[in-house]
């Protein structure tokens, strides 16, 4: 007696519990890939914005111009503090105030890009165990069927074992990309945040200096 061991046949022959596990893992995998595609674009755009801000700060070019990219809230926060100049504060106090505001804005910008990463981490850690549950359940059913039929030939045992192991395979297929994507995006965001911090320190130093210079010129003119 021949048995169809194709993927579709394995799913159709599995019991409702194993089918539910497979459906859950497939939906989780689809959700993970949706997040991965979204993050490839959003984090890539943020990386370019951080590099551009760093370039502008390094070249001292258009630092006070608000960019039309994800770095916009960071620059706006710094310029808002720069305009709120207090003649009684020192340059270091002005720089610290600007830098604090820009760091808060940068933290918020990066945190928004972290949305979805916990889901990747959860699927990466839980999917193999969910698949393993489906495997254990399938093997239990397979042994029950063997006991009922009193036939231990490989032709009878193999289909049930294959159905059960298929759940573990699907769990790994869902988990491995999720773990890899989570690690990549987490590393990317840490590096982007460090780029922002470096640029923020230089920009705060520049803005505080130009503000003090402008104030000194006004005082001299008076």
N, C-alpha and C. Protein backbone atom coordinates (compact mmCIF):
# COMPACT_ATOMS: atom_id res chain seq x y z
N UNK A 1 0.85 -1.20 0.00
CA UNK A 1 0.00 0.00 0.00
C UNK A 1 0.88 1.24 0.00
N UNK A 2 0.73 2.10 -0.98
CA UNK A 2 1.56 3.31 -1.08
C UNK A 2 0.91 4.46 -0.34
N UNK A 3 1.75 5.34 0.14
CA UNK A 3 1.28 6.52 0.89
C UNK A 3 1.82 7.77 0.22
N UNK A 4 0.97 8.77 0.09
CA UNK A 4 1.39 10.06 -0.46
C UNK A 4 2.06 10.87 0.64
N UNK A 5 3.34 11.15 0.46
CA UNK A 5 4.10 11.89 1.48
C UNK A 5 4.41 13.32 1.03
N UNK A 6 3.62 13.83 0.09
CA UNK A 6 3.81 15.23 -0.30
C UNK A 6 3.37 16.15 0.83
N UNK A 7 3.81 17.40 0.76
CA UNK A 7 3.49 18.35 1.83
C UNK A 7 1.99 18.53 1.98
N UNK A 8 1.28 18.66 0.86
CA UNK A 8 -0.17 18.85 0.92
C UNK A 8 -0.84 17.63 1.54
N UNK A 9 -0.37 16.46 1.16
CA UNK A 9 -0.96 15.24 1.71
C UNK A 9 -0.69 15.11 3.20
N UNK A 10 0.52 15.47 3.63
CA UNK A 10 0.85 15.40 5.05
C UNK A 10 -0.07 16.31 5.87
N UNK A 11 -0.32 17.50 5.33
CA UNK A 11 -1.20 18.44 6.04
C UNK A 11 -2.63 17.91 6.07
N UNK A 12 -3.09 17.37 4.97
CA UNK A 12 -4.46 16.87 4.90
C UNK A 12 -4.67 15.65 5.80
N UNK A 13 -3.63 14.84 5.92
CA UNK A 13 -3.76 13.62 6.72
C UNK A 13 -3.57 13.87 8.21
N UNK A 14 -2.99 15.00 8.56
CA UNK A 14 -2.76 15.30 9.99
C UNK A 14 -4.08 15.54 10.70
N UNK A 15 -4.07 15.33 12.02
CA UNK A 15 -5.31 15.57 12.77
C UNK A 15 -5.48 17.06 13.02
N UNK A 16 -6.59 17.46 13.62
CA UNK A 16 -6.94 18.88 13.74
C UNK A 16 -5.95 19.64 14.61
N UNK A 17 -5.39 19.00 15.61
CA UNK A 17 -4.42 19.68 16.49
C UNK A 17 -3.16 20.02 15.71
N UNK A 18 -2.63 19.06 14.99
CA UNK A 18 -1.41 19.30 14.21
C UNK A 18 -1.69 20.32 13.11
N UNK A 19 -2.84 20.25 12.49
CA UNK A 19 -3.20 21.23 11.46
C UNK A 19 -3.29 22.63 12.05
N UNK A 20 -3.83 22.74 13.26
CA UNK A 20 -3.91 24.04 13.93
C UNK A 20 -2.53 24.59 14.23
N UNK A 21 -1.63 23.71 14.68
CA UNK A 21 -0.24 24.13 14.95
C UNK A 21 0.41 24.62 13.67
N UNK A 22 0.21 23.89 12.58
CA UNK A 22 0.81 24.28 11.30
C UNK A 22 0.24 25.61 10.82
N UNK A 23 -1.07 25.79 10.97
CA UNK A 23 -1.70 27.05 10.55
C UNK A 23 -1.15 28.22 11.37
N UNK A 24 -0.99 28.00 12.68
CA UNK A 24 -0.46 29.04 13.55
C UNK A 24 0.97 29.41 13.15
N UNK A 25 1.77 28.43 12.86
CA UNK A 25 3.16 28.69 12.48
C UNK A 25 3.25 29.39 11.12
N UNK A 26 2.39 29.00 10.19
CA UNK A 26 2.39 29.66 8.88
C UNK A 26 1.98 31.13 9.02
N UNK A 27 0.95 31.39 9.82
CA UNK A 27 0.51 32.78 10.04
C UNK A 27 1.62 33.59 10.72
N UNK A 28 2.29 32.97 11.69
CA UNK A 28 3.39 33.66 12.38
C UNK A 28 4.52 33.97 11.40
N UNK A 29 4.81 33.02 10.52
CA UNK A 29 5.88 33.24 9.53
C UNK A 29 5.50 34.36 8.58
N UNK A 30 4.25 34.40 8.14
CA UNK A 30 3.81 35.48 7.26
C UNK A 30 3.93 36.83 7.96
N UNK A 31 3.52 36.86 9.24
CA UNK A 31 3.65 38.10 10.00
C UNK A 31 5.10 38.54 10.14
N UNK A 32 5.99 37.57 10.35
CA UNK A 32 7.42 37.90 10.47
C UNK A 32 7.96 38.48 9.17
N UNK A 33 7.60 37.88 8.06
CA UNK A 33 8.10 38.37 6.78
C UNK A 33 7.54 39.75 6.46
N UNK A 34 6.30 40.00 6.89
CA UNK A 34 5.75 41.35 6.71
C UNK A 34 6.57 42.38 7.48
N UNK A 35 6.93 42.04 8.72
CA UNK A 35 7.75 42.94 9.53
C UNK A 35 9.13 43.11 8.92
N UNK A 36 9.71 42.01 8.44
CA UNK A 36 11.05 42.08 7.86
C UNK A 36 11.07 43.01 6.65
N UNK A 37 10.09 42.88 5.78
CA UNK A 37 10.04 43.74 4.59
C UNK A 37 9.87 45.20 4.99
N UNK A 38 8.99 45.45 5.96
CA UNK A 38 8.78 46.82 6.42
C UNK A 38 10.06 47.41 7.03
N UNK A 39 10.75 46.61 7.86
CA UNK A 39 11.95 47.11 8.52
C UNK A 39 13.10 47.33 7.54
N UNK A 40 13.16 46.53 6.49
CA UNK A 40 14.21 46.73 5.50
C UNK A 40 14.12 48.14 4.90
N UNK A 41 12.89 48.60 4.70
CA UNK A 41 12.70 49.93 4.12
C UNK A 41 12.86 51.02 5.19
N UNK A 42 12.16 50.88 6.33
CA UNK A 42 12.17 51.95 7.33
C UNK A 42 13.52 52.11 8.00
N UNK A 43 14.17 51.00 8.36
CA UNK A 43 15.48 51.10 9.00
C UNK A 43 16.53 51.53 7.98
N UNK A 44 16.38 51.09 6.74
CA UNK A 44 17.31 51.55 5.70
C UNK A 44 17.21 53.05 5.50
N UNK A 45 15.98 53.56 5.52
CA UNK A 45 15.79 55.01 5.37
C UNK A 45 16.35 55.76 6.57
N UNK A 46 16.17 55.20 7.76
CA UNK A 46 16.71 55.84 8.95
C UNK A 46 18.24 55.83 8.94
N UNK A 47 18.83 54.74 8.44
CA UNK A 47 20.29 54.67 8.35
C UNK A 47 20.83 55.76 7.43
N UNK A 48 20.16 55.95 6.31
CA UNK A 48 20.60 56.99 5.37
C UNK A 48 20.43 58.38 5.97
N UNK A 49 19.35 58.58 6.74
CA UNK A 49 19.14 59.87 7.39
C UNK A 49 20.22 60.15 8.42
N UNK A 50 20.60 59.13 9.19
CA UNK A 50 21.65 59.30 10.19
C UNK A 50 22.99 59.62 9.53
N UNK A 51 23.28 58.92 8.43
CA UNK A 51 24.53 59.17 7.72
C UNK A 51 24.55 60.57 7.13
N UNK A 52 23.40 61.01 6.61
CA UNK A 52 23.33 62.36 6.02
C UNK A 52 23.50 63.43 7.10
N UNK A 53 22.87 63.22 8.26
CA UNK A 53 23.02 64.19 9.35
C UNK A 53 24.48 64.24 9.81
N UNK A 54 25.10 63.09 9.91
CA UNK A 54 26.51 63.05 10.31
C UNK A 54 27.38 63.76 9.27
N UNK A 55 27.07 63.57 7.99
CA UNK A 55 27.84 64.23 6.93
C UNK A 55 27.69 65.74 7.01
N UNK A 56 26.46 66.20 7.23
CA UNK A 56 26.22 67.64 7.32
C UNK A 56 26.94 68.26 8.51
N UNK A 57 26.96 67.53 9.61
CA UNK A 57 27.65 68.04 10.80
C UNK A 57 29.16 68.05 10.58
N UNK A 58 29.68 66.98 9.98
CA UNK A 58 31.12 66.89 9.75
C UNK A 58 31.62 67.97 8.79
N UNK A 59 30.78 68.29 7.79
CA UNK A 59 31.19 69.30 6.80
C UNK A 59 30.73 70.70 7.16
N UNK A 60 29.98 70.79 8.29
CA UNK A 60 29.49 72.10 8.75
C UNK A 60 28.62 72.76 7.68
N UNK A 61 27.79 71.92 7.02
CA UNK A 61 27.00 72.39 5.87
C UNK A 61 25.50 72.26 6.18
N UNK A 62 24.79 73.39 6.15
CA UNK A 62 23.34 73.42 6.34
C UNK A 62 22.90 72.73 7.63
N UNK A 63 23.64 72.97 8.70
CA UNK A 63 23.30 72.33 9.96
C UNK A 63 21.95 72.82 10.49
N UNK A 64 21.65 74.08 10.26
CA UNK A 64 20.41 74.64 10.79
C UNK A 64 19.23 74.50 9.82
N UNK A 65 19.39 73.67 8.79
CA UNK A 65 18.30 73.42 7.85
C UNK A 65 17.59 72.13 8.27
N UNK A 66 16.26 72.20 8.37
CA UNK A 66 15.50 71.03 8.80
C UNK A 66 15.36 70.06 7.63
N UNK A 67 15.83 68.81 7.78
CA UNK A 67 15.75 67.86 6.67
C UNK A 67 14.36 67.25 6.53
N UNK A 68 14.05 66.80 5.33
CA UNK A 68 12.76 66.14 5.08
C UNK A 68 12.96 64.63 5.11
N UNK A 69 13.47 64.11 6.20
CA UNK A 69 13.69 62.67 6.35
C UNK A 69 13.46 62.28 7.81
N UNK A 70 13.67 61.03 8.19
CA UNK A 70 13.38 60.63 9.58
C UNK A 70 14.15 61.39 10.65
N UNK A 71 15.23 62.07 10.28
CA UNK A 71 16.00 62.85 11.27
C UNK A 71 15.35 64.19 11.57
N UNK A 72 14.27 64.52 10.89
CA UNK A 72 13.63 65.83 11.06
C UNK A 72 13.29 66.14 12.53
N UNK A 73 12.62 65.23 13.29
CA UNK A 73 12.30 65.56 14.69
C UNK A 73 13.53 65.85 15.54
N UNK A 74 14.65 65.21 15.22
CA UNK A 74 15.88 65.41 15.99
C UNK A 74 16.41 66.82 15.76
N UNK A 75 16.49 67.21 14.51
CA UNK A 75 16.99 68.55 14.17
C UNK A 75 16.04 69.61 14.68
N UNK A 76 14.74 69.37 14.56
CA UNK A 76 13.75 70.34 15.04
C UNK A 76 13.89 70.54 16.55
N UNK A 77 14.11 69.47 17.29
CA UNK A 77 14.27 69.57 18.74
C UNK A 77 15.49 70.41 19.09
N UNK A 78 16.59 70.19 18.35
CA UNK A 78 17.80 70.97 18.62
C UNK A 78 17.63 72.44 18.28
N UNK A 79 17.00 72.72 17.15
CA UNK A 79 16.82 74.11 16.74
C UNK A 79 15.84 74.83 17.66
N UNK A 80 14.84 74.10 18.18
CA UNK A 80 13.90 74.72 19.11
C UNK A 80 14.62 75.17 20.38
N UNK A 81 15.51 74.33 20.88
CA UNK A 81 16.28 74.70 22.06
C UNK A 81 17.29 75.80 21.74
N UNK A 82 17.81 75.78 20.54
CA UNK A 82 18.75 76.82 20.13
C UNK A 82 18.07 78.18 20.09
N UNK A 83 16.84 78.21 19.60
CA UNK A 83 16.11 79.49 19.54
C UNK A 83 15.68 79.97 20.92
N UNK A 84 15.50 79.03 21.85
CA UNK A 84 15.11 79.40 23.21
C UNK A 84 16.34 79.78 24.02
N UNK A 85 17.15 80.65 23.46
CA UNK A 85 18.43 81.03 24.08
C UNK A 85 18.20 81.89 25.32
N UNK A 86 18.94 81.58 26.37
CA UNK A 86 18.92 82.36 27.59
C UNK A 86 20.27 83.06 27.73
N UNK A 87 20.24 84.38 27.72
CA UNK A 87 21.49 85.15 27.75
C UNK A 87 22.30 84.90 29.01
N UNK A 88 21.65 84.41 30.08
CA UNK A 88 22.36 84.22 31.34
C UNK A 88 23.05 82.86 31.44
N UNK A 89 22.73 81.94 30.54
CA UNK A 89 23.34 80.62 30.63
C UNK A 89 24.67 80.59 29.87
N UNK A 90 25.54 79.72 30.32
CA UNK A 90 26.85 79.59 29.68
C UNK A 90 26.72 78.75 28.40
N UNK A 91 27.81 78.75 27.65
CA UNK A 91 27.79 77.96 26.41
C UNK A 91 27.61 76.48 26.71
N UNK A 92 28.27 76.00 27.75
CA UNK A 92 28.15 74.57 28.08
C UNK A 92 26.73 74.22 28.50
N UNK A 93 26.07 75.13 29.23
CA UNK A 93 24.68 74.89 29.63
C UNK A 93 23.77 74.87 28.40
N UNK A 94 24.02 75.79 27.48
CA UNK A 94 23.24 75.82 26.24
C UNK A 94 23.46 74.54 25.44
N UNK A 95 24.71 74.12 25.35
CA UNK A 95 25.03 72.90 24.61
C UNK A 95 24.35 71.69 25.24
N UNK A 96 24.41 71.59 26.55
CA UNK A 96 23.80 70.46 27.24
C UNK A 96 22.28 70.44 27.03
N UNK A 97 21.67 71.60 27.07
CA UNK A 97 20.21 71.68 26.89
C UNK A 97 19.83 71.23 25.48
N UNK A 98 20.57 71.70 24.48
CA UNK A 98 20.30 71.30 23.10
C UNK A 98 20.53 69.80 22.92
N UNK A 99 21.63 69.31 23.49
CA UNK A 99 21.97 67.90 23.32
C UNK A 99 20.94 67.00 23.99
N UNK A 100 20.46 67.37 25.18
CA UNK A 100 19.45 66.56 25.87
C UNK A 100 18.18 66.46 25.04
N UNK A 101 17.75 67.59 24.50
CA UNK A 101 16.52 67.60 23.70
C UNK A 101 16.69 66.74 22.44
N UNK A 102 17.84 66.82 21.81
CA UNK A 102 18.06 66.05 20.59
C UNK A 102 18.20 64.56 20.89
N UNK A 103 18.81 64.23 22.01
CA UNK A 103 18.93 62.81 22.39
C UNK A 103 17.56 62.20 22.67
N UNK A 104 16.70 62.98 23.35
CA UNK A 104 15.33 62.48 23.61
C UNK A 104 14.60 62.24 22.29
N UNK A 105 14.73 63.19 21.36
CA UNK A 105 14.08 63.04 20.06
C UNK A 105 14.65 61.84 19.30
N UNK A 106 15.96 61.67 19.35
CA UNK A 106 16.59 60.55 18.65
C UNK A 106 16.13 59.22 19.26
N UNK A 107 16.04 59.17 20.58
CA UNK A 107 15.57 57.96 21.24
C UNK A 107 14.17 57.59 20.80
N UNK A 108 13.30 58.60 20.68
CA UNK A 108 11.93 58.35 20.24
C UNK A 108 11.91 57.89 18.78
N UNK A 109 12.72 58.49 17.94
CA UNK A 109 12.78 58.09 16.52
C UNK A 109 13.22 56.63 16.40
N UNK A 110 14.25 56.26 17.14
CA UNK A 110 14.75 54.88 17.08
C UNK A 110 13.74 53.91 17.67
N UNK A 111 13.10 54.29 18.79
CA UNK A 111 12.11 53.40 19.41
C UNK A 111 10.95 53.10 18.48
N UNK A 112 10.53 54.08 17.70
CA UNK A 112 9.44 53.84 16.76
C UNK A 112 9.84 52.78 15.73
N UNK A 113 11.11 52.75 15.37
CA UNK A 113 11.57 51.73 14.41
C UNK A 113 11.74 50.37 15.07
N UNK A 114 11.70 50.31 16.39
CA UNK A 114 11.82 49.03 17.08
C UNK A 114 10.49 48.29 17.16
N UNK A 115 9.39 48.97 16.82
CA UNK A 115 8.09 48.32 16.86
C UNK A 115 8.08 47.10 15.93
N UNK A 116 7.65 45.99 16.43
CA UNK A 116 7.63 44.76 15.64
C UNK A 116 8.78 43.84 15.96
N UNK A 117 9.88 44.38 16.46
CA UNK A 117 11.03 43.52 16.77
C UNK A 117 10.73 42.54 17.90
N UNK A 118 9.98 42.94 18.95
CA UNK A 118 9.64 41.93 19.96
C UNK A 118 8.86 40.75 19.39
N UNK A 119 8.03 41.01 18.38
CA UNK A 119 7.29 39.90 17.75
C UNK A 119 8.26 38.94 17.08
N UNK A 120 9.28 39.48 16.39
CA UNK A 120 10.28 38.62 15.77
C UNK A 120 11.00 37.78 16.83
N UNK A 121 11.34 38.42 17.94
CA UNK A 121 12.04 37.70 19.00
C UNK A 121 11.16 36.60 19.59
N UNK A 122 9.87 36.91 19.76
CA UNK A 122 8.94 35.92 20.32
C UNK A 122 8.79 34.72 19.40
N UNK A 123 8.60 34.99 18.10
CA UNK A 123 8.46 33.89 17.14
C UNK A 123 9.75 33.10 17.05
N UNK A 124 10.88 33.79 17.07
CA UNK A 124 12.16 33.10 16.99
C UNK A 124 12.40 32.15 18.14
N UNK A 125 11.91 32.51 19.32
CA UNK A 125 12.14 31.65 20.49
C UNK A 125 11.02 30.62 20.69
N UNK A 126 9.79 30.98 20.31
CA UNK A 126 8.65 30.10 20.60
C UNK A 126 8.30 29.14 19.48
N UNK A 127 8.53 29.52 18.23
CA UNK A 127 8.09 28.69 17.10
C UNK A 127 8.65 27.26 17.14
N UNK A 128 9.94 27.06 17.45
CA UNK A 128 10.42 25.68 17.50
C UNK A 128 9.69 24.82 18.52
N UNK A 129 9.32 25.43 19.65
CA UNK A 129 8.62 24.67 20.69
C UNK A 129 7.18 24.39 20.29
N UNK A 130 6.56 25.35 19.60
CA UNK A 130 5.21 25.12 19.09
C UNK A 130 5.25 23.98 18.07
N UNK A 131 6.24 24.01 17.19
CA UNK A 131 6.39 22.92 16.23
C UNK A 131 6.67 21.59 16.91
N UNK A 132 7.47 21.63 17.98
CA UNK A 132 7.77 20.41 18.73
C UNK A 132 6.52 19.84 19.38
N UNK A 133 5.66 20.73 19.86
CA UNK A 133 4.39 20.27 20.43
C UNK A 133 3.58 19.52 19.37
N UNK A 134 3.52 20.09 18.15
CA UNK A 134 2.81 19.42 17.07
C UNK A 134 3.43 18.06 16.76
N UNK A 135 4.77 17.99 16.83
CA UNK A 135 5.45 16.72 16.57
C UNK A 135 5.12 15.68 17.62
N UNK A 136 5.20 16.08 18.88
CA UNK A 136 4.89 15.14 19.97
C UNK A 136 3.46 14.65 19.86
N UNK A 137 2.55 15.58 19.59
CA UNK A 137 1.14 15.20 19.47
C UNK A 137 0.95 14.23 18.29
N UNK A 138 1.59 14.54 17.17
CA UNK A 138 1.47 13.66 16.01
C UNK A 138 2.04 12.29 16.25
N UNK A 139 3.17 12.20 16.95
CA UNK A 139 3.76 10.89 17.26
C UNK A 139 2.87 10.10 18.19
N UNK A 140 2.27 10.78 19.17
CA UNK A 140 1.34 10.10 20.07
C UNK A 140 0.18 9.49 19.28
N UNK A 141 -0.37 10.28 18.34
CA UNK A 141 -1.47 9.76 17.53
C UNK A 141 -1.01 8.61 16.64
N UNK A 142 0.22 8.74 16.13
CA UNK A 142 0.75 7.69 15.27
C UNK A 142 0.88 6.38 16.04
N UNK A 143 1.40 6.44 17.25
CA UNK A 143 1.55 5.23 18.06
C UNK A 143 0.18 4.65 18.44
N UNK A 144 -0.77 5.54 18.68
CA UNK A 144 -2.12 5.06 18.99
C UNK A 144 -2.71 4.30 17.81
N UNK A 145 -2.49 4.85 16.60
CA UNK A 145 -2.99 4.19 15.39
C UNK A 145 -2.31 2.83 15.18
N UNK A 146 -0.99 2.79 15.46
CA UNK A 146 -0.25 1.54 15.32
C UNK A 146 -0.78 0.50 16.28
N UNK A 147 -1.06 0.92 17.51
CA UNK A 147 -1.59 -0.02 18.51
C UNK A 147 -2.96 -0.54 18.10
N UNK A 148 -3.75 0.35 17.51
CA UNK A 148 -5.11 -0.07 17.11
C UNK A 148 -5.07 -1.05 15.94
N UNK A 149 -4.17 -0.78 14.98
CA UNK A 149 -4.10 -1.66 13.80
C UNK A 149 -3.25 -2.90 14.03
N UNK A 150 -2.41 -2.86 15.09
CA UNK A 150 -1.52 -3.97 15.42
C UNK A 150 -0.61 -4.31 14.23
N UNK A 151 -0.23 -3.26 13.51
CA UNK A 151 0.67 -3.43 12.36
C UNK A 151 1.84 -2.48 12.54
N UNK A 152 3.05 -3.00 12.75
CA UNK A 152 4.22 -2.16 13.00
C UNK A 152 5.13 -2.05 11.79
N UNK A 153 4.63 -2.35 10.62
CA UNK A 153 5.45 -2.26 9.42
C UNK A 153 5.77 -0.80 9.12
N UNK A 154 6.90 -0.59 8.44
CA UNK A 154 7.35 0.77 8.13
C UNK A 154 6.32 1.52 7.28
N UNK A 155 5.64 0.82 6.42
CA UNK A 155 4.65 1.46 5.57
C UNK A 155 3.53 2.09 6.38
N UNK A 156 3.24 1.52 7.53
CA UNK A 156 2.19 2.06 8.40
C UNK A 156 2.75 3.15 9.30
N UNK A 157 3.97 2.96 9.80
CA UNK A 157 4.55 3.90 10.77
C UNK A 157 5.02 5.19 10.08
N UNK A 158 5.62 5.07 8.91
CA UNK A 158 6.28 6.22 8.27
C UNK A 158 5.37 7.42 8.05
N UNK A 159 4.15 7.27 7.50
CA UNK A 159 3.33 8.45 7.25
C UNK A 159 3.02 9.24 8.51
N UNK A 160 2.70 8.56 9.59
CA UNK A 160 2.38 9.27 10.83
C UNK A 160 3.58 10.01 11.40
N UNK A 161 4.75 9.37 11.35
CA UNK A 161 5.97 10.02 11.84
C UNK A 161 6.32 11.22 10.96
N UNK A 162 6.15 11.06 9.65
CA UNK A 162 6.44 12.17 8.73
C UNK A 162 5.53 13.35 9.01
N UNK A 163 4.25 13.11 9.24
CA UNK A 163 3.31 14.19 9.58
C UNK A 163 3.77 14.92 10.83
N UNK A 164 4.19 14.14 11.81
CA UNK A 164 4.59 14.73 13.09
C UNK A 164 5.85 15.58 12.93
N UNK A 165 6.86 15.04 12.24
CA UNK A 165 8.12 15.78 12.08
C UNK A 165 7.96 17.01 11.21
N UNK A 166 6.97 17.00 10.35
CA UNK A 166 6.73 18.15 9.48
C UNK A 166 6.41 19.39 10.32
N UNK A 167 5.75 19.21 11.45
CA UNK A 167 5.44 20.35 12.33
C UNK A 167 6.71 20.99 12.87
N UNK A 168 7.69 20.16 13.25
CA UNK A 168 8.96 20.72 13.73
C UNK A 168 9.67 21.47 12.61
N UNK A 169 9.63 20.91 11.40
CA UNK A 169 10.28 21.58 10.27
C UNK A 169 9.65 22.95 10.02
N UNK A 170 8.33 23.03 10.06
CA UNK A 170 7.66 24.32 9.85
C UNK A 170 8.03 25.30 10.96
N UNK A 171 8.11 24.80 12.20
CA UNK A 171 8.51 25.66 13.32
C UNK A 171 9.89 26.25 13.11
N UNK A 172 10.82 25.44 12.62
CA UNK A 172 12.17 25.94 12.36
C UNK A 172 12.18 26.93 11.19
N UNK A 173 11.38 26.66 10.17
CA UNK A 173 11.30 27.58 9.03
C UNK A 173 10.78 28.94 9.47
N UNK A 174 9.87 28.95 10.44
CA UNK A 174 9.34 30.22 10.95
C UNK A 174 10.35 30.90 11.88
N UNK A 175 11.06 30.11 12.67
CA UNK A 175 11.92 30.67 13.71
C UNK A 175 13.25 31.21 13.20
N UNK A 176 13.89 30.48 12.30
CA UNK A 176 15.25 30.86 11.88
C UNK A 176 15.30 32.24 11.22
N UNK A 177 14.44 32.54 10.25
CA UNK A 177 14.48 33.90 9.67
C UNK A 177 14.13 34.98 10.70
N UNK A 178 13.22 34.64 11.63
CA UNK A 178 12.83 35.63 12.64
C UNK A 178 14.01 35.99 13.53
N UNK A 179 14.76 34.99 13.96
CA UNK A 179 15.93 35.24 14.81
C UNK A 179 16.99 36.03 14.06
N UNK A 180 17.25 35.63 12.83
CA UNK A 180 18.26 36.34 12.03
C UNK A 180 17.87 37.79 11.79
N UNK A 181 16.59 38.01 11.47
CA UNK A 181 16.12 39.37 11.22
C UNK A 181 16.18 40.21 12.49
N UNK A 182 15.77 39.62 13.62
CA UNK A 182 15.81 40.35 14.90
C UNK A 182 17.23 40.79 15.23
N UNK A 183 18.18 39.89 15.09
CA UNK A 183 19.57 40.22 15.41
C UNK A 183 20.10 41.32 14.48
N UNK A 184 19.78 41.20 13.18
CA UNK A 184 20.26 42.19 12.22
C UNK A 184 19.68 43.56 12.52
N UNK A 185 18.37 43.64 12.69
CA UNK A 185 17.72 44.94 12.88
C UNK A 185 18.11 45.56 14.22
N UNK A 186 18.27 44.74 15.25
CA UNK A 186 18.69 45.27 16.55
C UNK A 186 20.09 45.87 16.44
N UNK A 187 20.98 45.16 15.75
CA UNK A 187 22.34 45.68 15.55
C UNK A 187 22.32 46.96 14.73
N UNK A 188 21.52 46.97 13.66
CA UNK A 188 21.43 48.16 12.82
C UNK A 188 20.95 49.36 13.62
N UNK A 189 19.94 49.17 14.45
CA UNK A 189 19.39 50.29 15.23
C UNK A 189 20.39 50.80 16.27
N UNK A 190 21.16 49.89 16.86
CA UNK A 190 22.20 50.33 17.80
C UNK A 190 23.24 51.19 17.09
N UNK A 191 23.64 50.78 15.92
CA UNK A 191 24.64 51.54 15.16
C UNK A 191 24.08 52.89 14.71
N UNK A 192 22.82 52.88 14.28
CA UNK A 192 22.18 54.14 13.86
C UNK A 192 22.08 55.09 15.04
N UNK A 193 21.69 54.55 16.19
CA UNK A 193 21.58 55.39 17.38
C UNK A 193 22.94 55.99 17.75
N UNK A 194 24.00 55.21 17.62
CA UNK A 194 25.33 55.72 17.92
C UNK A 194 25.73 56.80 16.93
N UNK A 195 25.36 56.64 15.66
CA UNK A 195 25.64 57.68 14.67
C UNK A 195 24.91 58.97 15.02
N UNK A 196 23.65 58.84 15.43
CA UNK A 196 22.88 60.01 15.84
C UNK A 196 23.52 60.69 17.05
N UNK A 197 23.95 59.92 18.03
CA UNK A 197 24.54 60.49 19.24
C UNK A 197 25.80 61.28 18.90
N UNK A 198 26.63 60.71 18.02
CA UNK A 198 27.85 61.41 17.62
C UNK A 198 27.51 62.72 16.91
N UNK A 199 26.55 62.66 15.97
CA UNK A 199 26.16 63.86 15.24
C UNK A 199 25.51 64.89 16.16
N UNK A 200 24.73 64.41 17.12
CA UNK A 200 24.05 65.31 18.05
C UNK A 200 25.05 66.09 18.88
N UNK A 201 26.08 65.39 19.38
CA UNK A 201 27.09 66.09 20.17
C UNK A 201 27.78 67.19 19.38
N UNK A 202 28.12 66.89 18.14
CA UNK A 202 28.79 67.91 17.30
C UNK A 202 27.83 69.05 16.95
N UNK A 203 26.57 68.70 16.67
CA UNK A 203 25.61 69.72 16.29
C UNK A 203 25.29 70.63 17.48
N UNK A 204 25.17 70.06 18.67
CA UNK A 204 24.91 70.87 19.86
C UNK A 204 26.07 71.82 20.13
N UNK A 205 27.28 71.32 19.92
CA UNK A 205 28.46 72.17 20.12
C UNK A 205 28.45 73.33 19.12
N UNK A 206 28.10 73.03 17.89
CA UNK A 206 28.07 74.06 16.85
C UNK A 206 26.98 75.10 17.13
N UNK A 207 25.77 74.62 17.44
CA UNK A 207 24.66 75.55 17.66
C UNK A 207 24.89 76.43 18.87
N UNK A 208 25.38 75.84 19.95
CA UNK A 208 25.62 76.65 21.15
C UNK A 208 26.68 77.71 20.87
N UNK A 209 27.69 77.36 20.06
CA UNK A 209 28.73 78.34 19.73
C UNK A 209 28.21 79.46 18.86
N UNK A 210 27.40 79.15 17.86
CA UNK A 210 26.87 80.20 16.98
C UNK A 210 25.91 81.10 17.74
N UNK A 211 25.17 80.54 18.68
CA UNK A 211 24.22 81.36 19.44
C UNK A 211 24.97 82.32 20.35
N UNK A 212 26.00 81.84 21.01
CA UNK A 212 26.78 82.70 21.89
C UNK A 212 27.49 83.79 21.08
N UNK A 213 27.98 83.41 19.90
CA UNK A 213 28.67 84.39 19.06
C UNK A 213 27.71 85.49 18.62
N UNK A 214 26.51 85.09 18.22
CA UNK A 214 25.50 86.08 17.80
C UNK A 214 25.13 87.00 18.96
N UNK A 215 24.99 86.42 20.14
CA UNK A 215 24.64 87.23 21.31
C UNK A 215 25.76 88.21 21.63
N UNK A 216 27.01 87.74 21.53
CA UNK A 216 28.13 88.62 21.83
C UNK A 216 28.20 89.77 20.84
N UNK A 217 27.90 89.49 19.59
CA UNK A 217 27.93 90.55 18.58
C UNK A 217 26.84 91.60 18.86
N UNK A 218 25.67 91.12 19.27
CA UNK A 218 24.60 92.08 19.58
C UNK A 218 24.98 92.96 20.76
N UNK A 219 25.60 92.33 21.78
CA UNK A 219 26.02 93.11 22.95
C UNK A 219 27.07 94.14 22.56
N UNK A 220 28.01 93.75 21.68
CA UNK A 220 29.06 94.68 21.26
C UNK A 220 28.47 95.83 20.46
N UNK A 221 27.47 95.53 19.64
CA UNK A 221 26.85 96.57 18.82
C UNK A 221 26.09 97.57 19.68
N UNK A 222 25.54 97.09 20.79
CA UNK A 222 24.79 98.00 21.67
C UNK A 222 25.74 98.89 22.48
